[in-house]
C-alpha atoms as a PDB file:
ATOM      1  CA  MET A   1     -76.322  47.174 -38.231  1.00  0.00           C
ATOM      2  CA  ASN A   2     -75.589  48.095 -41.732  1.00  0.00           C
ATOM      3  CA  LYS A   3     -71.988  48.580 -43.160  1.00  0.00           C
ATOM      4  CA  GLU A   4     -72.150  52.270 -42.645  1.00  0.00           C
ATOM      5  CA  MET A   5     -72.985  52.133 -39.051  1.00  0.00           C
ATOM      6  CA  LEU A   6     -70.432  49.369 -38.421  1.00  0.00           C
ATOM      7  CA  GLU A   7     -67.729  51.474 -40.026  1.00  0.00           C
ATOM      8  CA  GLN A   8     -68.466  54.097 -37.396  1.00  0.00           C
ATOM      9  CA  LEU A   9     -67.806  52.048 -34.316  1.00  0.00           C
ATOM     10  CA  PRO A  10     -64.823  53.101 -32.240  1.00  0.00           C
ATOM     11  CA  VAL A  11     -61.595  50.916 -32.637  1.00  0.00           C
ATOM     12  CA  ASN A  12     -58.464  50.362 -30.768  1.00  0.00           C
ATOM     13  CA  LYS A  13     -55.585  51.889 -32.406  1.00  0.00           C
ATOM     14  CA  ALA A  14     -52.866  50.504 -30.342  1.00  0.00           C
ATOM     15  CA  ILE A  15     -49.791  49.682 -32.557  1.00  0.00           C
ATOM     16  CA  HIS A  16     -46.958  47.043 -32.007  1.00  0.00           C
ATOM     17  CA  PRO A  17     -43.463  48.470 -32.437  1.00  0.00           C
ATOM     18  CA  GLY A  18     -42.536  45.457 -34.478  1.00  0.00           C
ATOM     19  CA  ASP A  19     -45.497  46.053 -37.017  1.00  0.00           C
ATOM     20  CA  LYS A  20     -43.817  46.381 -40.460  1.00  0.00           C
ATOM     21  CA  MET A  21     -46.819  47.445 -42.546  1.00  0.00           C
ATOM     22  CA  PHE A  22     -47.566  50.275 -39.990  1.00  0.00           C
ATOM     23  CA  GLY A  23     -43.891  51.371 -40.199  1.00  0.00           C
ATOM     24  CA  VAL A  24     -43.865  51.435 -43.998  1.00  0.00           C
ATOM     25  CA  MET A  25     -47.028  53.610 -43.819  1.00  0.00           C
ATOM     26  CA  LYS A  26     -45.758  55.938 -41.202  1.00  0.00           C
ATOM     27  CA  LYS A  27     -42.349  56.254 -43.323  1.00  0.00           C
ATOM     28  CA  ASN A  28     -44.689  57.482 -46.094  1.00  0.00           C
ATOM     29  CA  ASN A  29     -46.714  59.988 -44.009  1.00  0.00           C
ATOM     30  CA  ASN A  30     -49.748  57.636 -44.176  1.00  0.00           C
ATOM     31  CA  GLU A  31     -50.488  56.297 -40.614  1.00  0.00           C
ATOM     32  CA  LYS A  32     -54.206  57.018 -41.226  1.00  0.00           C
ATOM     33  CA  GLY A  33     -54.137  54.653 -44.124  1.00  0.00           C
ATOM     34  CA  TYR A  34     -53.111  51.776 -41.992  1.00  0.00           C
ATOM     35  CA  TYR A  35     -56.423  52.103 -40.132  1.00  0.00           C
ATOM     36  CA  VAL A  36     -58.479  53.118 -43.182  1.00  0.00           C
ATOM     37  CA  SER A  37     -57.307  50.113 -45.410  1.00  0.00           C
ATOM     38  CA  GLY A  38     -57.742  47.465 -42.380  1.00  0.00           C
ATOM     39  CA  LYS A  39     -61.325  48.933 -42.008  1.00  0.00           C
ATOM     40  CA  LYS A  40     -62.024  48.766 -45.928  1.00  0.00           C
ATOM     41  CA  ASN A  41     -60.465  45.277 -46.193  1.00  0.00           C
ATOM     42  CA  THR A  42     -62.639  43.893 -43.437  1.00  0.00           C
ATOM     43  CA  ALA A  43     -65.719  45.372 -44.787  1.00  0.00           C
ATOM     44  CA  VAL A  44     -65.297  43.647 -48.172  1.00  0.00           C
ATOM     45  CA  PHE A  45     -65.073  40.108 -46.341  1.00  0.00           C
ATOM     46  CA  TRP A  46     -67.980  41.103 -44.020  1.00  0.00           C
ATOM     47  CA  SER A  47     -70.011  41.961 -47.240  1.00  0.00           C
ATOM     48  CA  LEU A  48     -69.011  38.645 -48.779  1.00  0.00           C
ATOM     49  CA  VAL A  49     -70.209  36.819 -45.914  1.00  0.00           C
ATOM     50  CA  LYS A  50     -73.418  38.770 -45.872  1.00  0.00           C
ATOM     51  CA  LYS A  51     -74.049  37.756 -49.501  1.00  0.00           C
ATOM     52  CA  PHE A  52     -73.070  34.071 -49.411  1.00  0.00           C
ATOM     53  CA  SER A  53     -73.777  33.014 -45.764  1.00  0.00           C
ATOM     54  CA  PRO A  54     -76.026  35.645 -44.275  1.00  0.00           C
ATOM     55  CA  SER A  55     -76.522  33.356 -41.294  1.00  0.00           C
ATOM     56  CA  LEU A  56     -72.946  33.715 -40.332  1.00  0.00           C
ATOM     57  CA  ILE A  57     -73.033  37.505 -40.299  1.00  0.00           C
ATOM     58  CA  GLU A  58     -72.730  37.661 -36.446  1.00  0.00           C
ATOM     59  CA  GLY A  59     -72.604  35.736 -33.332  1.00  0.00           C
ATOM     60  CA  LYS A  60     -70.142  33.274 -34.727  1.00  0.00           C
ATOM     61  CA  LYS A  61     -66.522  32.072 -34.177  1.00  0.00           C
ATOM     62  CA  VAL A  62     -64.276  34.050 -36.596  1.00  0.00           C
ATOM     63  CA  MET A  63     -60.402  33.562 -37.346  1.00  0.00           C
ATOM     64  CA  ASP A  64     -58.194  36.076 -38.706  1.00  0.00           C
ATOM     65  CA  TYR A  65     -55.548  33.556 -40.240  1.00  0.00           C
ATOM     66  CA  GLY A  66     -52.157  35.262 -40.652  1.00  0.00           C
ATOM     67  CA  CYS A  67     -53.342  38.149 -38.241  1.00  0.00           C
ATOM     68  CA  GLY A  68     -49.762  39.713 -38.204  1.00  0.00           C
ATOM     69  CA  HIS A  69     -50.100  42.627 -35.645  1.00  0.00           C
ATOM     70  CA  GLY A  70     -53.798  43.185 -36.146  1.00  0.00           C
ATOM     71  CA  ARG A  71     -54.332  45.654 -38.965  1.00  0.00           C
ATOM     72  CA  MET A  72     -57.530  43.792 -39.990  1.00  0.00           C
ATOM     73  CA  THR A  73     -57.967  41.858 -36.638  1.00  0.00           C
ATOM     74  CA  ARG A  74     -58.748  45.133 -34.647  1.00  0.00           C
ATOM     75  CA  HIS A  75     -61.800  45.724 -36.972  1.00  0.00           C
ATOM     76  CA  MET A  76     -63.261  42.169 -37.082  1.00  0.00           C
ATOM     77  CA  ARG A  77     -65.039  42.382 -33.825  1.00  0.00           C
ATOM     78  CA  ASN A  78     -66.838  45.394 -34.731  1.00  0.00           C
ATOM     79  CA  PHE A  79     -68.192  43.991 -38.027  1.00  0.00           C
ATOM     80  CA  PHE A  80     -68.823  40.347 -37.086  1.00  0.00           C
ATOM     81  CA  GLN A  81     -69.824  40.728 -33.418  1.00  0.00           C
ATOM     82  CA  PRO A  82     -68.341  37.001 -32.872  1.00  0.00           C
ATOM     83  CA  THR A  83     -68.675  34.897 -29.935  1.00  0.00           C
ATOM     84  CA  ALA A  84     -64.920  34.346 -30.238  1.00  0.00           C
ATOM     85  CA  LEU A  85     -62.417  36.005 -32.285  1.00  0.00           C
ATOM     86  CA  VAL A  86     -59.126  33.722 -32.983  1.00  0.00           C
ATOM     87  CA  ALA A  87     -55.792  35.544 -34.058  1.00  0.00           C
ATOM     88  CA  ALA A  88     -53.635  32.877 -35.786  1.00  0.00           C
ATOM     89  CA  ASP A  89     -50.076  33.528 -37.020  1.00  0.00           C
ATOM     90  CA  VAL A  90     -46.422  32.426 -37.052  1.00  0.00           C
ATOM     91  CA  LEU A  91     -45.199  35.404 -35.243  1.00  0.00           C
ATOM     92  CA  PRO A  92     -45.668  34.966 -31.418  1.00  0.00           C
ATOM     93  CA  ASP A  93     -45.502  38.736 -30.809  1.00  0.00           C
ATOM     94  CA  GLY A  94     -48.393  39.367 -33.173  1.00  0.00           C
ATOM     95  CA  VAL A  95     -50.500  36.759 -31.799  1.00  0.00           C
ATOM     96  CA  ASP A  96     -49.726  37.847 -28.007  1.00  0.00           C
ATOM     97  CA  PHE A  97     -50.490  41.633 -29.188  1.00  0.00           C
ATOM     98  CA  CYS A  98     -53.792  40.791 -30.578  1.00  0.00           C
ATOM     99  CA  ALA A  99     -54.714  38.864 -27.659  1.00  0.00           C
ATOM    100  CA  LYS A 100     -53.796  41.559 -25.252  1.00  0.00           C
ATOM    101  CA  GLU A 101     -55.188  44.515 -27.204  1.00  0.00           C
ATOM    102  CA  PHE A 102     -58.150  43.131 -29.261  1.00  0.00           C
ATOM    103  CA  ASP A 103     -59.286  40.376 -26.729  1.00  0.00           C
ATOM    104  CA  THR A 104     -58.563  37.438 -29.245  1.00  0.00           C
ATOM    105  CA  VAL A 105     -58.027  33.774 -28.496  1.00  0.00           C
ATOM    106  CA  PRO A 106     -54.220  33.329 -29.549  1.00  0.00           C
ATOM    107  CA  PHE A 107     -53.155  30.581 -31.621  1.00  0.00           C
ATOM    108  CA  VAL A 108     -49.231  30.425 -32.682  1.00  0.00           C
ATOM    109  CA  ILE A 109     -48.547  28.419 -35.816  1.00  0.00           C
ATOM    110  CA  SER A 110     -45.543  26.347 -36.252  1.00  0.00           C
ATOM    111  CA  ASN A 111     -44.462  23.006 -37.596  1.00  0.00           C
ATOM    112  CA  GLU A 112     -45.223  21.519 -34.306  1.00  0.00           C
ATOM    113  CA  ASN A 113     -48.518  23.240 -33.735  1.00  0.00           C
ATOM    114  CA  PRO A 114     -50.142  23.536 -37.160  1.00  0.00           C
ATOM    115  CA  ILE A 115     -53.746  24.898 -37.435  1.00  0.00           C
ATOM    116  CA  SER A 116     -55.090  21.417 -37.736  1.00  0.00           C
ATOM    117  CA  GLN A 117     -54.485  20.635 -34.186  1.00  0.00           C
ATOM    118  CA  MET A 118     -56.993  23.283 -32.927  1.00  0.00           C
ATOM    119  CA  ASP A 119     -59.476  21.516 -31.002  1.00  0.00           C
ATOM    120  CA  GLU A 120     -62.580  23.551 -31.950  1.00  0.00           C
ATOM    121  CA  THR A 121     -64.303  24.578 -35.310  1.00  0.00           C
ATOM    122  CA  ILE A 122     -64.502  28.023 -36.739  1.00  0.00           C
ATOM    123  CA  ASP A 123     -67.342  29.407 -38.722  1.00  0.00           C
ATOM    124  CA  ILE A 124     -65.456  32.254 -40.530  1.00  0.00           C
ATOM    125  CA  ILE A 125     -61.824  31.935 -41.504  1.00  0.00           C
ATOM    126  CA  ILE A 126     -60.191  35.004 -43.250  1.00  0.00           C
ATOM    127  CA  ALA A 127     -56.860  34.421 -44.724  1.00  0.00           C
ATOM    128  CA  VAL A 128     -55.392  37.611 -46.266  1.00  0.00           C
ATOM    129  CA  SER A 129     -52.090  37.630 -48.048  1.00  0.00           C
ATOM    130  CA  VAL A 130     -51.060  34.298 -46.623  1.00  0.00           C
ATOM    131  CA  PHE A 131     -51.608  32.033 -49.521  1.00  0.00           C
ATOM    132  CA  SER A 132     -49.750  34.577 -51.867  1.00  0.00           C
ATOM    133  CA  HIS A 133     -46.494  33.744 -50.143  1.00  0.00           C
ATOM    134  CA  LEU A 134     -46.279  30.007 -49.431  1.00  0.00           C
ATOM    135  CA  PRO A 135     -44.367  27.379 -51.245  1.00  0.00           C
ATOM    136  CA  ARG A 136     -46.446  24.353 -52.523  1.00  0.00           C
ATOM    137  CA  ALA A 137     -46.158  21.984 -49.644  1.00  0.00           C
ATOM    138  CA  SER A 138     -46.993  24.619 -47.148  1.00  0.00           C
ATOM    139  CA  PHE A 139     -49.892  26.117 -49.405  1.00  0.00           C
ATOM    140  CA  GLU A 140     -51.432  22.549 -49.616  1.00  0.00           C
ATOM    141  CA  ALA A 141     -50.751  21.732 -45.941  1.00  0.00           C
ATOM    142  CA  ASN A 142     -52.471  25.028 -44.655  1.00  0.00           C
ATOM    143  CA  MET A 143     -55.525  24.637 -46.763  1.00  0.00           C
ATOM    144  CA  GLY A 144     -55.964  21.087 -45.554  1.00  0.00           C
ATOM    145  CA  GLY A 145     -55.466  22.318 -42.028  1.00  0.00           C
ATOM    146  CA  LEU A 146     -58.009  25.160 -42.414  1.00  0.00           C
ATOM    147  CA  SER A 147     -60.567  22.517 -44.005  1.00  0.00           C
ATOM    148  CA  LYS A 148     -60.268  20.625 -40.770  1.00  0.00           C
ATOM    149  CA  VAL A 149     -60.961  23.435 -38.520  1.00  0.00           C
ATOM    150  CA  LEU A 150     -63.837  25.146 -40.699  1.00  0.00           C
ATOM    151  CA  SER A 151     -67.125  24.186 -39.244  1.00  0.00           C
ATOM    152  CA  LYS A 152     -69.807  22.286 -41.247  1.00  0.00           C
ATOM    153  CA  ASP A 153     -71.725  25.259 -42.526  1.00  0.00           C
ATOM    154  CA  GLY A 154     -68.677  27.660 -42.336  1.00  0.00           C
ATOM    155  CA  LEU A 155     -67.048  29.991 -44.871  1.00  0.00           C
ATOM    156  CA  LEU A 156     -63.288  30.230 -45.742  1.00  0.00           C
ATOM    157  CA  MET A 157     -62.113  33.300 -47.584  1.00  0.00           C
ATOM    158  CA  PHE A 158     -58.649  33.836 -48.655  1.00  0.00           C
ATOM    159  CA  THR A 159     -56.554  35.721 -51.247  1.00  0.00           C
ATOM    160  CA  ALA A 160     -53.874  34.573 -53.553  1.00  0.00           C
ATOM    161  CA  ASN A 161     -51.943  36.061 -56.569  1.00  0.00           C
ATOM    162  CA  GLY A 162     -53.730  35.092 -59.912  1.00  0.00           C
ATOM    163  CA  GLU A 163     -53.761  35.669 -63.579  1.00  0.00           C
ATOM    164  CA  GLN A 164     -53.132  39.558 -63.448  1.00  0.00           C
ATOM    165  CA  TRP A 165     -50.079  38.882 -61.263  1.00  0.00           C
ATOM    166  CA  ARG A 166     -48.853  36.229 -63.844  1.00  0.00           C
ATOM    167  CA  LYS A 167     -49.135  38.628 -66.530  1.00  0.00           C
ATOM    168  CA  THR A 168     -47.289  41.396 -64.617  1.00  0.00           C
ATOM    169  CA  HIS A 169     -44.620  39.371 -63.729  1.00  0.00           C
ATOM    170  CA  LYS A 170     -44.342  37.366 -66.834  1.00  0.00           C
ATOM    171  CA  ILE A 171     -44.242  33.845 -65.303  1.00  0.00           C
ATOM    172  CA  THR A 172     -45.466  30.615 -66.196  1.00  0.00           C
ATOM    173  CA  LEU A 173     -47.711  28.472 -64.182  1.00  0.00           C
ATOM    174  CA  ASP A 174     -46.298  24.740 -64.415  1.00  0.00           C
ATOM    175  CA  SER A 175     -49.165  22.675 -62.945  1.00  0.00           C
ATOM    176  CA  GLY A 176     -51.027  25.833 -62.023  1.00  0.00           C
ATOM    177  CA  PHE A 177     -48.396  26.830 -59.354  1.00  0.00           C
ATOM    178  CA  TYR A 178     -45.443  29.400 -59.127  1.00  0.00           C
ATOM    179  CA  PHE A 179     -43.395  30.040 -56.076  1.00  0.00           C
ATOM    180  CA  SER A 180     -40.094  32.145 -55.835  1.00  0.00           C
ATOM    181  CA  ASN A 181     -38.725  32.351 -52.326  1.00  0.00           C
ATOM    182  CA  PHE A 182     -37.138  35.414 -50.801  1.00  0.00           C
ATOM    183  CA  ALA A 183     -33.717  33.869 -49.844  1.00  0.00           C
ATOM    184  CA  ALA A 184     -31.785  35.402 -52.710  1.00  0.00           C
ATOM    185  CA  ARG A 185     -33.242  38.792 -52.440  1.00  0.00           C
ATOM    186  CA  ILE A 186     -33.175  39.684 -48.706  1.00  0.00           C
ATOM    187  CA  PRO A 187     -29.892  40.072 -46.937  1.00  0.00           C
ATOM    188  CA  LYS A 188     -29.778  37.837 -43.831  1.00  0.00           C
ATOM    189  CA  ASN A 189     -29.025  40.789 -41.774  1.00  0.00           C
ATOM    190  CA  LYS A 190     -32.277  42.325 -42.850  1.00  0.00           C
ATOM    191  CA  PHE A 191     -34.373  39.423 -41.704  1.00  0.00           C
ATOM    192  CA  LYS A 192     -35.102  38.658 -38.088  1.00  0.00           C
ATOM    193  CA  ALA A 193     -35.089  35.183 -36.489  1.00  0.00           C
ATOM    194  CA  SER A 194     -38.498  35.606 -35.433  1.00  0.00           C
ATOM    195  CA  ASP A 195     -39.658  36.054 -39.389  1.00  0.00           C
ATOM    196  CA  LEU A 196     -40.564  33.173 -41.421  1.00  0.00           C
ATOM    197  CA  PRO A 197     -37.422  31.126 -43.006  1.00  0.00           C
ATOM    198  CA  LEU A 198     -36.566  32.670 -46.215  1.00  0.00           C
ATOM    199  CA  GLN A 199     -36.842  29.147 -47.874  1.00  0.00           C
ATOM    200  CA  GLU A 200     -40.496  29.053 -46.730  1.00  0.00           C
ATOM    201  CA  TYR A 201     -41.705  32.585 -47.696  1.00  0.00           C
ATOM    202  CA  GLY A 202     -41.844  34.330 -51.202  1.00  0.00           C
ATOM    203  CA  GLN A 203     -44.076  35.123 -53.958  1.00  0.00           C
ATOM    204  CA  THR A 204     -46.619  32.441 -55.019  1.00  0.00           C
ATOM    205  CA  CYS A 205     -49.113  32.605 -57.808  1.00  0.00           C
ATOM    206  CA  VAL A 206     -51.754  29.920 -58.693  1.00  0.00           C
ATOM    207  CA  SER A 207     -54.435  29.107 -61.228  1.00  0.00           C
ATOM    208  CA  VAL A 208     -58.230  28.835 -60.509  1.00  0.00           C
ATOM    209  CA  ASN A 209     -57.909  25.199 -61.758  1.00  0.00           C
ATOM    210  CA  PHE A 210     -55.424  24.540 -59.291  1.00  0.00           C
ATOM    211  CA  VAL A 211     -57.170  25.890 -56.316  1.00  0.00           C
ATOM    212  CA  LYS A 212     -60.305  24.116 -57.330  1.00  0.00           C
ATOM    213  CA  ALA A 213     -58.689  20.805 -57.516  1.00  0.00           C
ATOM    214  CA  LEU A 214     -56.829  21.343 -54.120  1.00  0.00           C
ATOM    215  CA  LEU A 215     -60.097  22.284 -52.488  1.00  0.00           C
ATOM    216  CA  GLN A 216     -61.743  19.239 -53.814  1.00  0.00           C
ATOM    217  CA  ARG A 217     -58.760  17.099 -52.377  1.00  0.00           C
ATOM    218  CA  VAL A 218     -59.369  18.634 -48.923  1.00  0.00           C
ATOM    219  CA  ASP A 219     -62.921  18.466 -48.948  1.00  0.00           C
ATOM    220  CA  LEU A 220     -63.872  21.743 -49.636  1.00  0.00           C
ATOM    221  CA  ARG A 221     -65.583  23.395 -52.677  1.00  0.00           C
ATOM    222  CA  LEU A 222     -65.308  26.804 -54.447  1.00  0.00           C
ATOM    223  CA  VAL A 223     -68.186  29.221 -53.662  1.00  0.00           C
ATOM    224  CA  ASP A 224     -66.793  31.998 -55.780  1.00  0.00           C
ATOM    225  CA  HIS A 225     -63.673  33.434 -57.229  1.00  0.00           C
ATOM    226  CA  ILE A 226     -63.307  37.305 -57.469  1.00  0.00           C
ATOM    227  CA  PRO A 227     -60.317  38.240 -59.779  1.00  0.00           C
ATOM    228  CA  GLN A 228     -58.282  41.077 -58.123  1.00  0.00           C
ATOM    229  CA  GLY A 229     -60.985  41.430 -55.507  1.00  0.00           C
ATOM    230  CA  HIS A 230     -58.414  42.222 -52.789  1.00  0.00           C
ATOM    231  CA  VAL A 231     -57.285  45.829 -53.125  1.00  0.00           C
ATOM    232  CA  GLY A 232     -57.247  45.415 -56.930  1.00  0.00           C
ATOM    233  CA  LYS A 233     -54.383  42.920 -56.831  1.00  0.00           C
ATOM    234  CA  GLN A 234     -55.052  39.592 -55.178  1.00  0.00           C
ATOM    235  CA  ASP A 235     -57.945  37.228 -56.197  1.00  0.00           C
ATOM    236  CA  ILE A 236     -60.329  36.409 -53.437  1.00  0.00           C
ATOM    237  CA  TYR A 237     -61.427  32.800 -53.172  1.00  0.00           C
ATOM    238  CA  ILE A 238     -64.575  31.716 -51.238  1.00  0.00           C
ATOM    239  CA  ALA A 239     -64.913  28.080 -50.084  1.00  0.00           C
ATOM    240  CA  CYS A 240     -67.022  25.900 -47.932  1.00  0.00           C
ATOM    241  CA  HIS A 241     -67.651  22.247 -47.142  1.00  0.00           C
END
């Protein structure tokens, strides 16, 4: 099917009560935008797979790395027609919700259970707004873990803040990397225990050269870099073995 036909397929519109992104959109009277943006974002990555690795376009194993409560996950089965769809996140309730509602294989990420411990390989890995929030050690560890579970002919696609974000926020990239955690910005009473530790979550910005060097260290190579390719803000990186 072409993209237009895929976009017309019915989708499960179940919402988890803890879905913060949906909550923000609902508050702004834009509940429809939650579904529209999730579908649009998924379509972008589907188009990239079709462009760079058309043999992966359907019937493969797909992972939504950082699935949250399924804003994009719910659309991935329609677009990729996968043999298996893995929903991975640090939030157990998000992973469980995706498994229940969207028929996904659950994987709860933690220090004791990093993605590198997955005992199977994945053909398409999509990580949206994950690497835009990690401190350097976690950034590098997560990239290394994803390299280990990416199949030999697979495709890894992820987003990250880049040059435009650096200019807007007027920061410098020492060694090509910048991180500022949320510990000093969010009152402790506004952050639930189920969320990421404040010291391990914040705003991250990277240079293309930093990403290229890291990919090389973890046995990956950069296929393409699309500045502001994700919603006109974050850069999209495409990598493979």
